[in-house]
Amino acid sequence: MTSQRICSLSELVQDEARRFEVDGVAIAVVLDSNGEVHAIGDTCTHGDISLSEGFVDGDTLECWAHGSAFSLRTGKPLNLPAYEPVPVFQVTIDGDDVFVDPAVKLALN
């Protein structure tokens, strides 16, 4: 697979998650308060809940259903009940276009 354009940067709202589906992969995309764009798996690992419906706080995305917060940088859960990470995908910005490749999962610590 290759990177696919998912939206324009101007379509993203700061500190809000937005759900996209790319090649059948659900991805939550966040423009954080520092102006960085993050892309993580949209499904909470504790339950089949869309993370993009959750709450952004700094560099975390919290699941609205059970309260687990996930790092937007590493995908790791920061509290229970989730204990498995979500995938983190590489984001490329070209001008005003935001690209994500659902096949490229970043291995971050």
Protein backbone atom coordinates (compact mmCIF):
# COMPACT_ATOMS: atom_id res chain seq x y z
CA MET A 1 0.00 0.00 0.00
CA THR A 2 1.01 3.60 -0.35
CA SER A 3 0.19 6.75 1.53
CA GLN A 4 -3.27 8.02 0.76
CA ARG A 5 -4.63 11.52 1.08
CA ILE A 6 -7.26 11.52 3.81
CA CYS A 7 -8.06 15.22 4.17
CA SER A 8 -6.65 18.70 4.10
CA LEU A 9 -4.90 20.06 7.17
CA SER A 10 -7.44 22.89 7.31
CA GLU A 11 -10.25 20.33 7.76
CA LEU A 12 -8.83 19.12 11.08
CA VAL A 13 -9.93 20.81 14.29
CA GLN A 14 -7.29 21.25 16.97
CA ASP A 15 -7.62 18.82 19.89
CA GLU A 16 -10.42 16.83 18.25
CA ALA A 17 -10.13 13.35 16.81
CA ARG A 18 -11.58 12.50 13.44
CA ARG A 19 -12.19 9.01 12.05
CA PHE A 20 -11.07 7.92 8.59
CA GLU A 21 -11.11 4.55 6.92
CA VAL A 22 -8.17 3.81 4.65
CA ASP A 23 -8.07 0.46 2.82
CA GLY A 24 -10.43 -1.00 5.41
CA VAL A 25 -8.37 0.25 8.38
CA ALA A 26 -10.12 2.57 10.84
CA ILE A 27 -7.78 5.41 11.82
CA ALA A 28 -8.22 8.23 14.33
CA VAL A 29 -6.45 11.42 13.23
CA VAL A 30 -5.69 14.23 15.67
CA LEU A 31 -4.27 17.72 15.23
CA ASP A 32 -2.78 18.40 18.66
CA SER A 33 -2.29 21.76 20.37
CA ASN A 34 1.33 21.86 19.13
CA GLY A 35 0.18 21.65 15.52
CA GLU A 36 1.32 18.04 15.06
CA VAL A 37 -0.90 15.54 13.28
CA HIS A 38 -1.13 12.01 14.69
CA ALA A 39 -2.76 8.87 13.30
CA ILE A 40 -3.55 5.88 15.52
CA GLY A 41 -5.80 2.84 15.27
CA ASP A 42 -9.37 3.95 15.91
CA THR A 43 -10.51 0.93 17.90
CA CYS A 44 -9.92 0.79 21.65
CA THR A 45 -8.10 -2.41 22.59
CA HIS A 46 -10.31 -2.86 25.65
CA GLY A 47 -13.53 -2.98 23.66
CA ASP A 48 -14.86 -2.40 20.19
CA ILE A 49 -15.19 1.36 20.74
CA SER A 50 -14.21 4.13 18.31
CA LEU A 51 -11.43 6.20 19.86
CA SER A 52 -12.20 9.12 17.55
CA GLU A 53 -15.37 9.67 19.59
CA GLY A 54 -13.18 10.19 22.66
CA PHE A 55 -11.39 13.12 24.22
CA VAL A 56 -8.03 14.64 23.26
CA ASP A 57 -5.87 15.89 26.12
CA GLY A 58 -2.37 16.99 25.14
CA ASP A 59 -0.80 14.03 23.38
CA THR A 60 -3.38 11.47 24.51
CA LEU A 61 -6.72 10.23 23.21
CA GLU A 62 -9.12 8.91 25.84
CA CYS A 63 -11.76 6.28 25.10
CA TRP A 64 -15.14 7.75 25.99
CA ALA A 65 -16.59 4.42 27.11
CA HIS A 66 -14.15 3.12 29.71
CA GLY A 67 -11.63 5.92 30.21
CA SER A 68 -8.43 4.35 28.92
CA ALA A 69 -6.11 7.01 27.51
CA PHE A 70 -3.73 6.16 24.66
CA SER A 71 -0.53 7.98 23.74
CA LEU A 72 -0.86 9.58 20.31
CA ARG A 73 2.91 9.10 19.86
CA THR A 74 3.29 5.44 20.86
CA GLY A 75 -0.23 4.01 20.92
CA LYS A 76 0.40 2.63 24.41
CA PRO A 77 -2.44 2.74 26.93
CA LEU A 78 -1.61 4.96 29.88
CA ASN A 79 -4.16 3.48 32.26
CA LEU A 80 -6.51 0.53 32.69
CA PRO A 81 -8.72 -1.10 31.66
CA ALA A 82 -6.86 -1.22 28.30
CA TYR A 83 -3.45 -2.87 28.42
CA GLU A 84 -2.70 -3.48 24.73
CA PRO A 85 -1.45 -0.65 22.48
CA VAL A 86 -3.17 0.57 19.33
CA PRO A 87 -1.14 0.91 16.13
CA VAL A 88 0.44 4.26 15.26
CA PHE A 89 0.71 5.22 11.60
CA GLN A 90 3.09 7.54 9.79
CA VAL A 91 1.59 10.87 8.78
CA THR A 92 2.95 12.93 5.90
CA ILE A 93 1.95 16.53 5.29
CA ASP A 94 2.38 17.89 1.76
CA GLY A 95 1.24 21.50 1.57
CA ASP A 96 -2.30 21.35 2.99
CA ASP A 97 -2.76 17.64 2.27
CA VAL A 98 -2.61 14.99 5.02
CA PHE A 99 -1.47 11.51 3.95
CA VAL A 100 -1.52 8.25 5.95
CA ASP A 101 -0.31 4.79 4.94
CA PRO A 102 -2.24 2.15 6.91
CA ALA A 103 0.43 -0.44 6.11
CA VAL A 104 3.21 1.56 7.80
CA LYS A 105 2.93 1.07 11.53
CA LEU A 106 5.51 2.96 13.51
CA ALA A 107 7.50 1.06 16.12
CA LEU A 108 7.83 3.55 18.94
CA ASN A 109 8.85 2.96 22.52
